[in-house]
Amino acid sequence: MPITEILQKNADLYPNDVSLIEINPKFEKERTSWREYSLIETNSREVYKKQITWQDFNCRSNRFANLLLSRGIKKGDKVAILLMNCLEWLPVYFGALKSGAMAVPLNYRYTADEIKYCLELADADVLVFGPEFIGRVEEICTKVKRVKTWLYVGGDCPTFAESYEELVGYCSSKSPAIKLTDDDEAAIYFSSGTTGFPKAIIHKHRSLMHSALTENNHHSQTKDDIFLCIPPLYHTGAKMHWFGSFLVGAKSVLLNGIKPEWIMKVASEEKCSIVWLLVPWAQDILDAIERGDIKLEEYDLTSWRLMHIGAQPVPPSLIKRWKKYFPNHAYDTNYGLSESIGPGCVHLGVENEHKVGAIGKAGYGWETMIVDENKNPVKRGEVGELAVKGPGVMTAYYKDEKATAEVLRDGWLFTGDMAEEDEDGFIWLVDRKKDVIISGGENLYPVQIEDFLRKNDKISDVAVIGLPDARLGEIAAAIIQVKEGQTLTEEEVEEFCMDLPRYKRPHKVIFADVPRNPTGKIEKPKLRKIYCGESVVAQQNEIK
């Protein structure tokens, strides 16, 4: 069943129930009351809180679908979306699907050149963009020949675009008569681009629907749950976790901000029951609690039942700290890639907290396999490449048969992640295949070293990369971000690492910030560009 039918069902069953709430904490000081706004009352983004019902959501999607059809958009055409998280994001997405077009979400951090590259790679026919991107879009709008329709969401529409709000206001709110099937192509998502320009990933409607079923099976969302969505909606992770709530018509909150105080305040005031965090955000919340910036007694968090983390390996020490302050929270982690429609192809399960650190077992409707370089299964306990198989595997990389053939074989998606399976059948990530450091003939897995270093109470974040070495080929270098207000020296790090086997100890320590992309993944190519090939000297012997 195409996922658009779920939206129609929710509108029929719960027309007046709130579907989405958008909260912008930076505008809180400007409000004079707790009055809640809808976009019918104001198009301004500069309000603290706005919301729409399921009927609003469905009508907005239908209007946009009918606008696209009036512009000649047909099945298989591409509609790109370049918006910050806002109330219009998901209605635009579903409107594109309802028209029969493919939705093409774009990373809001893309430069003008990257936006142009992705629009051209995906053969986009329409771009919907917000005020944050006027400059970047204006820079390329005359250079991208295929895009004929530039739609602007917001006030003061630039001259090179058309006003989305004005145009959809004239369109019918009735569902367009476009027949969709599970085998129709639904969306193009882009890989994270941490290894260069991103690849375009094709998913069918079947993939989207399966992600909703998987997420709901894993976390048992009901109509009464309230999901707090913080990560960007262009990414499969945020949207596919939301799909579990969407499936049952539950309310969700879009929070535009990641400050620990904002997360706690909104979770408290909106009675959120499910919160998905990235590792840095969970770390920031714990640090704020321990500094005294957050006082838990000031918040009502009794509704919060589940905290789950994805998008990257989760340090066991982080969850141990979390449970100290939130002993009643169920914890879960999910593993996935954009190529496997986001999270859930591997899943720990709330009942398996004793296995914190593992990514889990095959998720609902999925199969897993760990293979050697010849794609043959390895023995349990041996390290190999993780492969997954299920209804959520991508169709292909768009216009890239060679790259597709490298990762897809007989329905199996070869992830590029190195993993091992323990005696109980739980899978543990070891590292990205391309990130393995070969030092003096030994394979070093940076994630293992990073997990060890994160046990140090003075370390806020850490990334381990390989640096060229004339004798050993490569050496491990640890880029360490020290906690605010703490002091740490290279000698202290070396002493702390004495509990590691000698060959796993970092040969070099660099005190610097650890860059992460919007989905929380460490940007190791950026670090390699900074440090590799150069004579690296620690920035300081001591840092505060």
Protein backbone atom coordinates (compact mmCIF):
# COMPACT_ATOMS: atom_id res chain seq x y z
CA MET A 1 0.00 0.00 0.00
CA PRO A 2 1.46 3.43 -0.94
CA ILE A 3 2.19 5.48 2.15
CA THR A 4 0.00 8.34 0.87
CA GLU A 5 -3.03 6.23 1.82
CA ILE A 6 -2.02 6.51 5.48
CA LEU A 7 -2.34 10.28 5.28
CA GLN A 8 -5.84 10.00 3.82
CA LYS A 9 -6.78 7.48 6.52
CA ASN A 10 -5.55 9.78 9.31
CA ALA A 11 -7.49 12.71 7.83
CA ASP A 12 -10.65 10.58 7.68
CA LEU A 13 -10.33 9.13 11.19
CA TYR A 14 -8.84 12.10 13.07
CA PRO A 15 -9.62 15.24 11.02
CA ASN A 16 -9.48 17.68 13.96
CA ASP A 17 -6.63 16.08 15.90
CA VAL A 18 -3.27 17.83 15.80
CA SER A 19 -0.85 16.13 13.44
CA LEU A 20 2.22 18.37 13.55
CA ILE A 21 3.50 21.09 15.86
CA GLU A 22 6.41 23.33 14.92
CA ILE A 23 8.31 25.00 17.76
CA ASN A 24 10.92 27.73 17.26
CA PRO A 25 12.51 28.46 20.66
CA LYS A 26 14.45 31.47 19.37
CA PHE A 27 11.16 33.32 18.98
CA GLU A 28 9.81 32.45 22.42
CA LYS A 29 10.77 35.81 23.93
CA GLU A 30 8.64 37.59 21.34
CA ARG A 31 5.37 35.86 22.17
CA THR A 32 2.94 37.39 24.66
CA SER A 33 0.83 34.31 25.35
CA TRP A 34 0.68 30.58 24.81
CA ARG A 35 -1.78 31.07 21.95
CA GLU A 36 -1.13 28.43 19.30
CA TYR A 37 -0.94 29.49 15.69
CA SER A 38 -1.80 27.67 12.48
CA LEU A 39 -0.53 28.63 9.06
CA ILE A 40 -4.07 29.65 8.18
CA GLU A 41 -3.70 32.52 10.68
CA THR A 42 -0.16 33.53 9.78
CA ASN A 43 2.53 32.64 7.28
CA SER A 44 5.21 34.13 9.50
CA ARG A 45 7.95 31.79 10.71
CA GLU A 46 8.64 34.17 13.61
CA VAL A 47 6.28 32.63 16.15
CA TYR A 48 7.05 30.28 18.98
CA LYS A 49 4.52 27.58 18.21
CA LYS A 50 2.38 26.63 15.22
CA GLN A 51 0.32 23.53 14.48
CA ILE A 52 -1.89 21.86 11.90
CA THR A 53 -4.49 19.08 12.11
CA TRP A 54 -4.57 15.90 10.07
CA GLN A 55 -7.23 17.44 7.86
CA ASP A 56 -5.01 20.51 7.32
CA PHE A 57 -2.05 18.24 6.54
CA ASN A 58 -4.00 16.24 3.96
CA CYS A 59 -5.58 19.31 2.33
CA ARG A 60 -2.23 21.05 2.00
CA SER A 61 -0.73 17.95 0.40
CA ASN A 62 -3.64 17.71 -2.04
CA ARG A 63 -3.37 21.38 -2.97
CA PHE A 64 0.33 21.04 -3.70
CA ALA A 65 -0.23 17.85 -5.70
CA ASN A 66 -2.85 19.62 -7.80
CA LEU A 67 -0.52 22.58 -8.30
CA LEU A 68 2.16 20.24 -9.63
CA LEU A 69 -0.30 18.55 -11.97
CA SER A 70 -1.43 21.95 -13.27
CA ARG A 71 2.22 22.63 -14.16
CA GLY A 72 2.46 19.46 -16.22
CA ILE A 73 4.23 17.34 -13.62
CA LYS A 74 3.59 13.67 -14.32
CA LYS A 75 4.42 10.31 -12.84
CA GLY A 76 8.14 9.87 -12.39
CA ASP A 77 9.04 13.58 -12.54
CA LYS A 78 11.15 14.92 -9.67
CA VAL A 79 10.26 17.54 -7.08
CA ALA A 80 13.23 18.72 -4.99
CA ILE A 81 12.70 20.05 -1.45
CA LEU A 82 15.15 22.46 0.18
CA LEU A 83 13.54 23.54 3.44
CA MET A 84 14.48 23.75 7.07
CA ASN A 85 12.19 21.71 9.33
CA CYS A 86 8.82 23.48 9.23
CA LEU A 87 5.11 22.73 9.04
CA GLU A 88 5.13 22.83 5.24
CA TRP A 89 7.95 20.29 4.84
CA LEU A 90 5.87 17.11 5.14
CA PRO A 91 2.77 18.40 3.26
CA VAL A 92 5.10 19.33 0.38
CA TYR A 93 6.70 15.87 0.51
CA PHE A 94 3.36 14.08 0.49
CA GLY A 95 1.98 16.43 -2.14
CA ALA A 96 4.82 15.44 -4.44
CA LEU A 97 4.05 11.76 -3.82
CA LYS A 98 0.32 12.25 -4.39
CA SER A 99 1.01 13.83 -7.78
CA GLY A 100 2.89 10.70 -8.82
CA ALA A 101 6.20 12.57 -8.80
CA MET A 102 9.30 11.53 -6.90
CA ALA A 103 10.21 13.61 -3.84
CA VAL A 104 13.87 14.67 -3.75
CA PRO A 105 14.87 16.03 -0.30
CA LEU A 106 18.06 18.11 -0.23
CA ASN A 107 20.51 18.63 2.61
CA TYR A 108 20.11 22.16 3.98
CA ARG A 109 23.89 22.45 4.40
CA TYR A 110 24.58 22.05 0.71
CA THR A 111 26.53 24.83 -0.94
CA ALA A 112 25.18 26.39 -4.13
CA ASP A 113 27.40 24.08 -6.20
CA GLU A 114 26.15 21.01 -4.33
CA ILE A 115 22.52 22.07 -4.78
CA LYS A 116 23.15 22.49 -8.52
CA TYR A 117 24.90 19.13 -8.67
CA CYS A 118 22.05 17.30 -6.95
CA LEU A 119 19.32 19.01 -8.98
CA GLU A 120 21.06 18.03 -12.18
CA LEU A 121 21.91 14.51 -11.05
CA ALA A 122 18.30 13.84 -10.04
CA ASP A 123 16.85 15.52 -13.17
CA ALA A 124 14.70 17.70 -10.91
CA ASP A 125 11.77 19.51 -12.56
CA VAL A 126 10.71 21.61 -9.53
CA LEU A 127 12.50 23.08 -6.53
CA VAL A 128 10.63 24.12 -3.38
CA PHE A 129 12.87 26.23 -1.14
CA GLY A 130 12.73 28.45 1.93
CA PRO A 131 14.09 31.88 2.91
CA GLU A 132 17.35 30.47 4.28
CA PHE A 133 18.37 29.44 0.75
CA ILE A 134 17.52 32.50 -1.36
CA GLY A 135 21.15 33.43 -1.96
CA ARG A 136 22.29 29.93 -2.85
CA VAL A 137 19.33 29.27 -5.16
CA GLU A 138 19.62 32.64 -6.90
CA GLU A 139 23.25 31.84 -7.63
CA ILE A 140 22.33 28.72 -9.63
CA CYS A 141 18.77 29.25 -10.89
CA THR A 142 19.87 30.40 -14.35
CA LYS A 143 22.41 27.59 -14.64
CA VAL A 144 20.08 24.61 -14.01
CA LYS A 145 18.21 24.22 -17.27
CA ARG A 146 15.80 21.39 -16.42
CA VAL A 147 14.16 23.05 -13.40
CA LYS A 148 11.28 25.10 -14.77
CA THR A 149 9.41 25.84 -11.54
CA TRP A 150 11.03 27.54 -8.54
CA LEU A 151 8.61 27.71 -5.61
CA TYR A 152 9.37 29.82 -2.56
CA VAL A 153 7.90 29.07 0.89
CA GLY A 154 7.84 32.24 2.98
CA GLY A 155 7.19 35.97 2.86
CA ASP A 156 8.74 38.45 0.40
CA CYS A 157 9.10 36.08 -2.53
CA PRO A 158 12.26 36.72 -4.56
CA THR A 159 11.74 37.85 -8.15
CA PHE A 160 13.23 34.71 -9.70
CA ALA A 161 10.68 32.43 -7.97
CA GLU A 162 6.93 32.06 -7.45
CA SER A 163 5.11 32.16 -4.12
CA TYR A 164 4.16 28.69 -2.95
CA GLU A 165 1.50 30.01 -0.55
CA GLU A 166 -0.22 32.15 -3.17
CA LEU A 167 -0.31 29.42 -5.79
CA VAL A 168 -1.56 26.55 -3.61
CA GLY A 169 -4.34 28.80 -2.32
CA TYR A 170 -6.00 28.60 -5.73
CA CYS A 171 -5.71 24.79 -6.02
CA SER A 172 -8.27 22.15 -5.11
CA SER A 173 -7.96 20.43 -1.74
CA LYS A 174 -9.39 17.20 -3.17
CA SER A 175 -7.10 14.22 -3.60
CA PRO A 176 -5.85 13.97 -7.20
CA ALA A 177 -6.91 10.91 -9.18
CA ILE A 178 -3.41 9.50 -9.56
CA LYS A 179 -3.16 5.73 -9.10
CA LEU A 180 -0.10 4.70 -7.13
CA THR A 181 1.28 1.21 -6.49
CA ASP A 182 3.97 -0.23 -4.26
CA ASP A 183 6.21 -0.64 -7.29
CA ASP A 184 6.10 3.02 -8.29
CA GLU A 185 9.28 4.97 -7.61
CA ALA A 186 8.62 7.39 -4.76
CA ALA A 187 11.74 9.27 -3.73
CA ILE A 188 15.37 10.03 -4.34
CA TYR A 189 17.48 10.44 -1.24
CA PHE A 190 21.11 11.45 -1.32
CA SER A 191 23.91 9.68 0.49
CA SER A 192 25.51 11.76 3.23
CA GLY A 193 28.24 12.93 0.91
CA THR A 194 31.00 12.40 3.49
CA THR A 195 33.17 10.83 0.77
CA GLY A 196 32.63 13.50 -1.89
CA PHE A 197 29.58 14.50 -3.90
CA PRO A 198 26.58 12.38 -2.85
CA LYS A 199 24.92 9.57 -4.78
CA ALA A 200 21.21 9.63 -5.65
CA ILE A 201 19.33 6.72 -4.06
CA ILE A 202 16.03 5.54 -5.55
CA HIS A 203 13.29 4.12 -3.29
CA LYS A 204 9.88 2.80 -4.26
CA HIS A 205 6.65 3.30 -2.33
CA ARG A 206 7.16 -0.22 -0.96
CA SER A 207 10.33 0.94 0.81
CA LEU A 208 8.60 3.89 2.47
CA MET A 209 5.71 1.77 3.69
CA HIS A 210 8.00 -0.92 5.02
CA SER A 211 10.00 1.64 6.98
CA ALA A 212 6.78 2.73 8.70
CA LEU A 213 5.85 -0.86 9.55
CA THR A 214 9.36 -1.59 10.79
CA GLU A 215 9.54 1.47 13.03
CA ASN A 216 6.11 0.82 14.52
CA ASN A 217 6.91 -2.83 15.11
CA HIS A 218 10.12 -1.90 16.94
CA HIS A 219 8.74 0.89 19.15
CA SER A 220 5.03 0.13 19.46
CA GLN A 221 3.78 3.66 18.79
CA THR A 222 0.11 4.25 19.55
CA LYS A 223 -2.26 7.13 18.88
CA ASP A 224 -1.44 8.50 22.35
CA ASP A 225 2.31 8.77 21.78
CA ILE A 226 3.92 12.14 21.00
CA PHE A 227 7.14 12.02 18.98
CA LEU A 228 9.73 14.77 19.36
CA CYS A 229 11.52 15.16 16.01
CA ILE A 230 14.74 17.16 16.10
CA PRO A 231 16.92 15.90 13.20
CA PRO A 232 16.45 17.35 9.70
CA LEU A 233 13.53 15.91 7.73
CA TYR A 234 15.56 15.68 4.52
CA HIS A 235 17.34 12.71 6.08
CA THR A 236 15.83 9.24 6.07
CA GLY A 237 16.53 8.80 9.79
CA ALA A 238 14.23 11.54 11.06
CA LYS A 239 11.43 10.88 8.60
CA MET A 240 11.41 7.10 8.90
CA HIS A 241 11.29 7.27 12.69
CA TRP A 242 8.39 9.71 12.34
CA PHE A 243 6.70 7.23 9.99
CA GLY A 244 6.08 4.92 12.97
CA SER A 245 3.97 7.63 14.61
CA PHE A 246 2.41 8.68 11.31
CA LEU A 247 1.18 5.12 10.79
CA VAL A 248 -1.12 5.36 13.83
CA GLY A 249 -2.11 9.03 13.56
CA ALA A 250 -0.03 10.15 16.55
CA LYS A 251 0.99 13.75 17.16
CA SER A 252 4.56 14.87 16.46
CA VAL A 253 6.57 17.94 17.40
CA LEU A 254 9.18 19.50 15.09
CA LEU A 255 11.75 21.29 17.24
CA ASN A 256 13.95 23.84 15.47
CA GLY A 257 16.93 23.80 17.79
CA ILE A 258 19.24 21.39 19.55
CA LYS A 259 20.18 23.21 22.75
CA PRO A 260 19.80 20.86 25.73
CA GLU A 261 17.54 23.32 27.54
CA TRP A 262 15.22 23.54 24.53
CA ILE A 263 14.97 19.77 24.16
CA MET A 264 14.11 19.32 27.82
CA LYS A 265 11.65 22.23 27.86
CA VAL A 266 9.73 21.02 24.82
CA ALA A 267 9.74 17.39 25.96
CA SER A 268 8.27 18.60 29.25
CA GLU A 269 5.69 21.08 27.94
CA GLU A 270 4.44 18.95 25.06
CA LYS A 271 4.39 15.70 27.11
CA CYS A 272 6.58 13.95 24.55
CA SER A 273 6.82 10.21 24.98
CA ILE A 274 9.41 9.31 22.31
CA VAL A 275 12.57 11.29 21.64
CA TRP A 276 15.18 10.33 19.06
CA LEU A 277 18.60 11.84 19.74
CA LEU A 278 21.97 11.86 18.09
CA VAL A 279 25.00 11.00 20.20
CA PRO A 280 26.27 14.62 20.49
CA TRP A 281 22.86 15.87 21.65
CA ALA A 282 22.55 13.20 24.32
CA GLN A 283 26.10 14.02 25.41
CA ASP A 284 25.24 17.73 25.59
CA ILE A 285 22.16 17.05 27.73
CA LEU A 286 24.17 14.97 30.20
CA ASP A 287 26.94 17.55 30.35
CA ALA A 288 24.37 20.31 31.01
CA ILE A 289 22.85 18.27 33.83
CA GLU A 290 26.24 17.65 35.40
CA ARG A 291 27.21 21.33 35.12
CA GLY A 292 23.94 22.29 36.79
CA ASP A 293 22.66 24.17 33.73
CA ILE A 294 19.70 21.77 33.60
CA LYS A 295 17.87 20.95 36.83
CA LEU A 296 15.70 17.90 36.22
CA GLU A 297 13.28 18.79 38.99
CA GLU A 298 12.17 21.79 36.92
CA TYR A 299 10.77 19.58 34.15
CA ASP A 300 7.85 17.18 33.94
CA LEU A 301 9.27 14.26 32.00
CA THR A 302 6.86 11.59 33.24
CA SER A 303 5.48 11.06 29.71
CA TRP A 304 8.91 10.36 28.19
CA ARG A 305 9.06 6.57 27.80
CA LEU A 306 11.65 5.93 25.07
CA MET A 307 15.00 7.46 24.20
CA HIS A 308 16.61 6.01 21.14
CA ILE A 309 19.73 6.84 19.19
CA GLY A 310 20.88 6.08 15.68
CA ALA A 311 22.98 7.35 12.76
CA GLN A 312 26.29 6.28 14.32
CA PRO A 313 27.83 3.81 16.79
CA VAL A 314 26.65 4.50 20.33
CA PRO A 315 29.27 4.45 23.11
CA PRO A 316 28.09 2.13 25.92
CA SER A 317 29.46 4.62 28.45
CA LEU A 318 27.00 7.23 27.16
CA ILE A 319 23.97 5.01 27.78
CA LYS A 320 25.27 4.06 31.22
CA ARG A 321 25.39 7.77 32.08
CA TRP A 322 21.95 8.35 30.58
CA LYS A 323 20.35 5.60 32.65
CA LYS A 324 21.85 7.14 35.76
CA TYR A 325 19.71 10.25 35.30
CA PHE A 326 16.78 8.65 33.44
CA PRO A 327 16.42 5.16 34.93
CA ASN A 328 12.82 4.79 33.72
CA HIS A 329 13.56 5.44 30.06
CA ALA A 330 13.53 2.48 27.71
CA TYR A 331 16.57 2.65 25.45
CA ASP A 332 16.97 1.47 21.89
CA THR A 333 19.26 1.91 18.93
CA ASN A 334 18.66 1.29 15.26
CA TYR A 335 21.10 0.83 12.42
CA GLY A 336 20.43 1.75 8.83
CA LEU A 337 21.58 3.59 5.75
CA SER A 338 19.82 5.83 3.28
CA GLU A 339 20.22 2.89 0.90
CA SER A 340 18.11 0.79 3.29
CA ILE A 341 15.52 3.55 3.77
CA GLY A 342 17.07 4.71 6.99
CA PRO A 343 16.92 3.07 10.42
CA GLY A 344 15.64 -0.33 11.35
CA CYS A 345 17.28 -2.95 9.16
CA VAL A 346 19.23 -3.85 12.30
CA HIS A 347 17.64 -3.22 15.68
CA LEU A 348 18.75 -3.70 19.29
CA GLY A 349 15.33 -3.84 20.97
CA VAL A 350 14.27 -2.23 24.24
CA GLU A 351 14.44 -5.62 25.94
CA ASN A 352 18.17 -5.95 25.22
CA GLU A 353 19.76 -3.17 27.24
CA HIS A 354 22.26 -5.73 28.53
CA LYS A 355 23.72 -5.62 25.00
CA VAL A 356 24.26 -1.85 24.89
CA GLY A 357 26.99 -1.17 22.35
CA ALA A 358 25.68 -3.71 19.86
CA ILE A 359 23.46 -2.55 17.01
CA GLY A 360 21.30 -5.65 17.51
CA LYS A 361 19.82 -8.26 15.20
CA ALA A 362 17.98 -8.14 11.90
CA GLY A 363 15.03 -5.77 12.11
CA TYR A 364 11.40 -6.47 11.30
CA GLY A 365 11.23 -7.99 7.81
CA TRP A 366 15.02 -7.87 7.34
CA GLU A 367 17.88 -10.38 6.97
CA THR A 368 21.54 -9.84 7.79
CA MET A 369 24.81 -11.49 6.79
CA ILE A 370 28.48 -10.81 7.55
CA VAL A 371 30.83 -11.64 4.68
CA ASP A 372 34.49 -11.73 3.72
CA GLU A 373 36.10 -9.99 0.75
CA ASN A 374 34.68 -12.64 -1.59
CA LYS A 375 31.13 -12.09 -0.25
CA ASN A 376 31.14 -15.45 1.55
CA PRO A 377 29.72 -15.61 5.09
CA VAL A 378 32.35 -15.51 7.84
CA LYS A 379 32.29 -17.58 11.01
CA ARG A 380 30.58 -16.13 14.05
CA GLY A 381 33.03 -13.92 15.94
CA GLU A 382 35.02 -12.98 12.82
CA VAL A 383 35.03 -9.47 11.41
CA GLY A 384 33.52 -8.96 7.96
CA GLU A 385 31.34 -6.63 5.94
CA LEU A 386 27.71 -6.33 6.99
CA ALA A 387 25.10 -7.02 4.30
CA VAL A 388 21.33 -6.56 4.68
CA LYS A 389 18.33 -7.72 2.67
CA GLY A 390 14.67 -6.70 2.88
CA PRO A 391 11.79 -4.72 1.36
CA GLY A 392 13.51 -1.42 2.21
CA VAL A 393 16.62 -1.91 0.08
CA MET A 394 17.02 0.78 -2.57
CA THR A 395 16.21 0.11 -6.20
CA ALA A 396 19.49 1.58 -7.47
CA TYR A 397 21.75 4.59 -7.51
CA TYR A 398 20.12 6.86 -10.08
CA LYS A 399 22.09 6.93 -13.34
CA ASP A 400 25.02 5.03 -11.82
CA GLU A 401 24.99 1.36 -12.82
CA LYS A 402 28.61 0.81 -11.78
CA ALA A 403 28.10 2.09 -8.22
CA THR A 404 24.86 0.11 -7.96
CA ALA A 405 26.58 -3.12 -9.01
CA GLU A 406 29.26 -2.57 -6.36
CA VAL A 407 26.77 -2.63 -3.46
CA LEU A 408 23.76 -4.65 -4.69
CA ARG A 409 23.88 -8.36 -5.42
CA ASP A 410 20.99 -10.86 -5.41
CA GLY A 411 18.89 -8.50 -3.30
CA TRP A 412 21.67 -8.01 -0.72
CA LEU A 413 22.94 -4.53 0.07
CA PHE A 414 26.61 -4.53 1.05
CA THR A 415 26.88 -1.70 3.53
CA GLY A 416 30.62 -1.01 3.68
CA ASP A 417 30.44 -1.35 7.47
CA MET A 418 32.68 -3.86 9.20
CA ALA A 419 30.96 -5.88 11.91
CA GLU A 420 31.05 -9.07 13.92
CA GLU A 421 28.37 -11.27 15.45
CA ASP A 422 28.69 -12.42 19.07
CA GLU A 423 27.76 -15.76 20.58
CA ASP A 424 24.17 -14.61 21.12
CA GLY A 425 23.67 -13.48 17.54
CA PHE A 426 23.98 -9.73 18.25
CA ILE A 427 25.85 -7.65 15.69
CA TRP A 428 28.54 -5.20 16.77
CA LEU A 429 29.83 -2.53 14.41
CA VAL A 430 33.59 -2.45 14.19
CA ASP A 431 34.05 0.41 11.73
CA ARG A 432 33.50 1.67 8.22
CA LYS A 433 35.41 -0.45 5.73
CA LYS A 434 37.07 2.65 4.28
CA ASP A 435 38.01 3.94 7.75
CA VAL A 436 40.04 0.90 8.83
CA ILE A 437 43.63 1.91 9.64
CA ILE A 438 46.37 -0.54 8.64
CA SER A 439 49.33 0.15 10.87
CA GLY A 440 52.36 -2.10 10.66
CA GLY A 441 50.20 -4.84 9.16
CA GLU A 442 47.61 -4.65 11.96
CA ASN A 443 44.00 -3.63 11.30
CA LEU A 444 42.92 -0.86 13.65
CA TYR A 445 39.22 -0.05 13.94
CA PRO A 446 38.82 3.63 14.94
CA VAL A 447 35.39 3.13 16.53
CA GLN A 448 36.91 0.78 19.12
CA ILE A 449 39.55 3.35 20.07
CA GLU A 450 36.97 6.16 20.11
CA ASP A 451 34.68 4.17 22.42
CA PHE A 452 37.57 3.63 24.81
CA LEU A 453 38.56 7.32 24.87
CA ARG A 454 34.97 8.44 25.47
CA LYS A 455 35.15 6.75 28.87
CA ASN A 456 37.41 9.62 29.95
CA ASP A 457 35.24 12.08 31.86
CA LYS A 458 37.12 15.06 30.42
CA ILE A 459 36.51 14.17 26.78
CA SER A 460 33.44 15.61 25.07
CA ASP A 461 33.99 14.06 21.63
CA VAL A 462 36.69 12.19 19.77
CA ALA A 463 37.52 11.03 16.27
CA VAL A 464 40.33 8.66 15.30
CA ILE A 465 41.81 8.78 11.80
CA GLY A 466 44.84 7.31 10.07
CA LEU A 467 47.80 9.53 9.24
CA PRO A 468 50.55 8.56 6.77
CA ASP A 469 53.70 7.15 8.33
CA ALA A 470 56.90 6.21 6.50
CA ARG A 471 57.62 3.21 8.72
CA LEU A 472 54.19 1.80 9.64
CA GLY A 473 52.19 2.93 6.61
CA GLU A 474 49.61 4.59 8.84
CA ILE A 475 49.35 5.59 12.47
CA ALA A 476 46.24 6.28 14.54
CA ALA A 477 45.66 9.92 15.45
CA ALA A 478 43.04 10.94 18.00
CA ILE A 479 41.35 14.31 17.52
CA ILE A 480 39.99 15.13 20.97
CA GLN A 481 37.41 17.74 21.88
CA VAL A 482 37.70 18.52 25.58
CA LYS A 483 34.63 19.20 27.70
CA GLU A 484 33.88 22.81 28.44
CA GLY A 485 35.62 23.94 31.62
CA GLN A 486 37.96 20.91 31.70
CA THR A 487 41.73 20.72 31.21
CA LEU A 488 43.42 17.80 29.48
CA THR A 489 47.03 17.24 28.39
CA GLU A 490 48.58 14.89 25.86
CA GLU A 491 50.42 13.13 28.68
CA GLU A 492 47.13 12.48 30.50
CA VAL A 493 45.64 10.97 27.34
CA GLU A 494 48.68 8.74 26.87
CA GLU A 495 48.44 7.56 30.46
CA PHE A 496 44.70 6.90 30.09
CA CYS A 497 45.38 4.77 27.00
CA MET A 498 47.79 2.46 28.83
CA ASP A 499 44.84 0.07 29.29
CA LEU A 500 44.64 -0.36 25.52
CA PRO A 501 46.84 -2.91 23.74
CA ARG A 502 49.98 -1.14 22.58
CA TYR A 503 49.15 -1.39 18.87
CA LYS A 504 45.75 0.29 19.45
CA ARG A 505 47.09 3.31 21.31
CA PRO A 506 46.95 6.57 19.35
CA HIS A 507 50.38 7.64 18.15
CA LYS A 508 49.32 11.25 17.97
CA VAL A 509 46.91 13.37 20.00
CA ILE A 510 45.38 16.53 18.53
CA PHE A 511 43.19 18.85 20.59
CA ALA A 512 40.52 20.31 18.29
CA ASP A 513 36.79 20.38 17.64
CA VAL A 514 35.29 17.24 16.10
CA PRO A 515 33.17 18.18 13.06
CA ARG A 516 29.88 16.34 12.56
CA ASN A 517 27.31 16.54 9.78
CA PRO A 518 23.59 17.25 10.46
CA THR A 519 22.90 13.57 11.11
CA GLY A 520 25.61 13.38 13.77
CA LYS A 521 28.22 11.47 11.81
CA ILE A 522 31.85 12.46 12.24
CA GLU A 523 33.14 14.14 9.09
CA LYS A 524 36.35 12.14 8.82
CA PRO A 525 37.11 13.17 5.23
CA LYS A 526 37.21 16.75 6.47
CA LEU A 527 39.62 15.76 9.23
CA ARG A 528 41.82 13.85 6.80
CA LYS A 529 41.91 16.88 4.53
CA ILE A 530 43.07 19.01 7.45
CA TYR A 531 45.65 16.67 8.93
CA CYS A 532 46.77 14.07 6.40
CA GLY A 533 49.91 14.72 4.43
CA GLU A 534 50.96 17.43 6.82
CA SER A 535 53.36 17.38 9.72
CA VAL A 536 50.85 17.46 12.51
CA VAL A 537 51.78 19.12 15.75
CA ALA A 538 49.36 19.22 18.65
CA GLN A 539 47.78 22.66 18.77
CA GLN A 540 48.53 22.92 22.45
CA ASN A 541 50.08 20.78 25.13
CA GLU A 542 47.22 21.84 27.33
CA ILE A 543 43.73 23.03 26.51
CA LYS A 544 40.95 24.32 28.66
